[in-house]
Amino acid sequence: MNDRLERTQIYDWHKEHGDVVPFAGWEMPVRYSDIREEHMAVREAVGVFDVSHM
C-alpha cells in the first residue's frame, strides 16, 4: 500500500502560503489566513479554488 499523498501542480505555492492537510489522498490547502479575512476577500474581490485534484 502506498501512503504517499498526491500533490497538485501548484502544491509548492500552497505550502508556502498556507496550511496544507490530507484530503482524499491529496495534500490540499485548508486556508491561507484568518477565515474571516478570506471570507471578506471573496465577497469583496475574488477567490480562486484549486480543482486540479479532481
N, C-alpha and C. Protein backbone atom coordinates (compact mmCIF):
# COMPACT_ATOMS: atom_id res chain seq x y z
N MET A 1 0.84 -1.19 0.00
CA MET A 1 0.00 0.00 0.00
C MET A 1 0.88 1.24 0.00
N ASN A 2 0.54 2.19 -0.82
CA ASN A 2 1.29 3.45 -0.92
C ASN A 2 0.58 4.52 -0.10
N ASP A 3 1.24 4.99 0.96
CA ASP A 3 0.64 6.02 1.81
C ASP A 3 1.01 7.42 1.37
N ARG A 4 1.75 7.54 0.28
CA ARG A 4 2.18 8.85 -0.20
C ARG A 4 0.98 9.63 -0.74
N LEU A 5 0.86 10.86 -0.30
CA LEU A 5 -0.23 11.71 -0.78
C LEU A 5 0.15 12.36 -2.10
N GLU A 6 -0.82 12.52 -2.97
CA GLU A 6 -0.61 13.19 -4.25
C GLU A 6 -0.51 14.69 -4.03
N ARG A 7 0.10 15.37 -4.99
CA ARG A 7 0.25 16.83 -4.93
C ARG A 7 -0.15 17.44 -6.26
N THR A 8 -0.84 18.57 -6.20
CA THR A 8 -1.21 19.27 -7.43
C THR A 8 0.01 19.99 -8.00
N GLN A 9 -0.15 20.52 -9.20
CA GLN A 9 0.93 21.25 -9.85
C GLN A 9 1.36 22.48 -9.07
N ILE A 10 0.45 23.05 -8.29
CA ILE A 10 0.79 24.27 -7.53
C ILE A 10 0.94 24.00 -6.03
N TYR A 11 1.27 22.76 -5.69
CA TYR A 11 1.45 22.38 -4.29
C TYR A 11 2.47 23.27 -3.59
N ASP A 12 3.61 23.53 -4.22
CA ASP A 12 4.65 24.33 -3.57
C ASP A 12 4.13 25.71 -3.19
N TRP A 13 3.31 26.30 -4.05
CA TRP A 13 2.73 27.62 -3.75
C TRP A 13 1.79 27.50 -2.55
N HIS A 14 0.94 26.47 -2.59
CA HIS A 14 0.02 26.25 -1.45
C HIS A 14 0.81 26.10 -0.15
N LYS A 15 1.84 25.28 -0.16
CA LYS A 15 2.64 25.01 1.04
C LYS A 15 3.31 26.28 1.56
N GLU A 16 3.80 27.09 0.64
CA GLU A 16 4.48 28.33 1.02
C GLU A 16 3.53 29.37 1.62
N HIS A 17 2.26 29.35 1.18
CA HIS A 17 1.33 30.40 1.57
C HIS A 17 0.26 29.99 2.59
N GLY A 18 0.17 28.71 2.91
CA GLY A 18 -0.90 28.34 3.85
C GLY A 18 -0.73 26.95 4.43
N ASP A 19 -1.74 26.56 5.20
CA ASP A 19 -1.78 25.23 5.81
C ASP A 19 -2.17 24.20 4.76
N VAL A 20 -1.44 23.09 4.71
CA VAL A 20 -1.75 22.00 3.80
C VAL A 20 -2.14 20.79 4.64
N VAL A 21 -3.24 20.14 4.26
CA VAL A 21 -3.75 18.99 5.01
C VAL A 21 -4.05 17.84 4.05
N PRO A 22 -4.09 16.61 4.57
CA PRO A 22 -4.50 15.48 3.73
C PRO A 22 -5.99 15.60 3.40
N PHE A 23 -6.35 15.37 2.14
CA PHE A 23 -7.75 15.41 1.72
C PHE A 23 -7.94 14.43 0.57
N ALA A 24 -8.63 13.34 0.82
CA ALA A 24 -8.97 12.35 -0.21
C ALA A 24 -7.74 11.89 -0.99
N GLY A 25 -6.63 11.67 -0.29
CA GLY A 25 -5.42 11.18 -0.93
C GLY A 25 -4.52 12.25 -1.51
N TRP A 26 -4.87 13.50 -1.28
CA TRP A 26 -4.09 14.64 -1.79
C TRP A 26 -3.66 15.54 -0.65
N GLU A 27 -2.57 16.27 -0.84
CA GLU A 27 -2.18 17.33 0.09
C GLU A 27 -2.78 18.62 -0.45
N MET A 28 -3.76 19.16 0.28
CA MET A 28 -4.51 20.32 -0.19
C MET A 28 -4.50 21.44 0.85
N PRO A 29 -4.63 22.68 0.40
CA PRO A 29 -4.66 23.80 1.34
C PRO A 29 -5.98 23.83 2.09
N VAL A 30 -5.91 24.24 3.34
CA VAL A 30 -7.14 24.39 4.12
C VAL A 30 -7.45 25.87 4.30
N ARG A 31 -6.41 26.70 4.38
CA ARG A 31 -6.60 28.15 4.46
C ARG A 31 -5.25 28.83 4.31
N TYR A 32 -5.30 30.12 4.04
CA TYR A 32 -4.08 30.91 3.87
C TYR A 32 -3.94 31.98 4.94
N SER A 33 -5.05 32.42 5.48
CA SER A 33 -5.04 33.44 6.53
C SER A 33 -6.24 33.20 7.43
N ASP A 34 -6.59 34.19 8.19
CA ASP A 34 -7.77 34.09 9.04
C ASP A 34 -9.01 33.83 8.18
N ILE A 35 -9.85 32.91 8.58
CA ILE A 35 -11.02 32.53 7.79
C ILE A 35 -11.94 33.71 7.52
N ARG A 36 -12.04 34.63 8.47
CA ARG A 36 -12.89 35.81 8.26
C ARG A 36 -12.30 36.72 7.18
N GLU A 37 -10.98 36.87 7.19
CA GLU A 37 -10.31 37.67 6.15
C GLU A 37 -10.53 37.05 4.77
N GLU A 38 -10.41 35.75 4.69
CA GLU A 38 -10.62 35.07 3.41
C GLU A 38 -12.06 35.22 2.94
N HIS A 39 -13.00 35.08 3.86
CA HIS A 39 -14.42 35.24 3.52
C HIS A 39 -14.68 36.63 2.95
N MET A 40 -14.19 37.65 3.61
CA MET A 40 -14.40 39.02 3.14
C MET A 40 -13.68 39.28 1.81
N ALA A 41 -12.51 38.71 1.62
CA ALA A 41 -11.78 38.89 0.36
C ALA A 41 -12.59 38.33 -0.81
N VAL A 42 -13.21 37.17 -0.61
CA VAL A 42 -14.02 36.57 -1.67
C VAL A 42 -15.28 37.39 -1.91
N ARG A 43 -15.89 37.89 -0.86
CA ARG A 43 -17.10 38.70 -1.03
C ARG A 43 -16.83 40.03 -1.69
N GLU A 44 -15.68 40.63 -1.38
CA GLU A 44 -15.38 41.97 -1.87
C GLU A 44 -14.52 41.99 -3.13
N ALA A 45 -13.86 40.89 -3.44
CA ALA A 45 -12.96 40.88 -4.59
C ALA A 45 -13.15 39.57 -5.37
N VAL A 46 -12.23 38.63 -5.19
CA VAL A 46 -12.30 37.37 -5.93
C VAL A 46 -11.64 36.25 -5.13
N GLY A 47 -12.05 35.04 -5.37
CA GLY A 47 -11.43 33.87 -4.77
C GLY A 47 -11.07 32.87 -5.84
N VAL A 48 -10.06 32.05 -5.57
CA VAL A 48 -9.63 31.01 -6.50
C VAL A 48 -9.59 29.69 -5.75
N PHE A 49 -10.10 28.64 -6.37
CA PHE A 49 -10.11 27.31 -5.76
C PHE A 49 -9.39 26.35 -6.69
N ASP A 50 -8.37 25.68 -6.21
CA ASP A 50 -7.59 24.73 -6.99
C ASP A 50 -8.37 23.42 -7.09
N VAL A 51 -8.87 23.11 -8.29
CA VAL A 51 -9.62 21.87 -8.51
C VAL A 51 -8.81 20.87 -9.33
N SER A 52 -7.52 21.08 -9.43
CA SER A 52 -6.69 20.20 -10.27
C SER A 52 -6.59 18.78 -9.72
N HIS A 53 -7.03 18.55 -8.49
CA HIS A 53 -7.03 17.20 -7.93
C HIS A 53 -8.27 16.41 -8.34
N MET A 54 -9.21 17.06 -8.96
CA MET A 54 -10.47 16.39 -9.34
C MET A 54 -10.37 15.69 -10.68
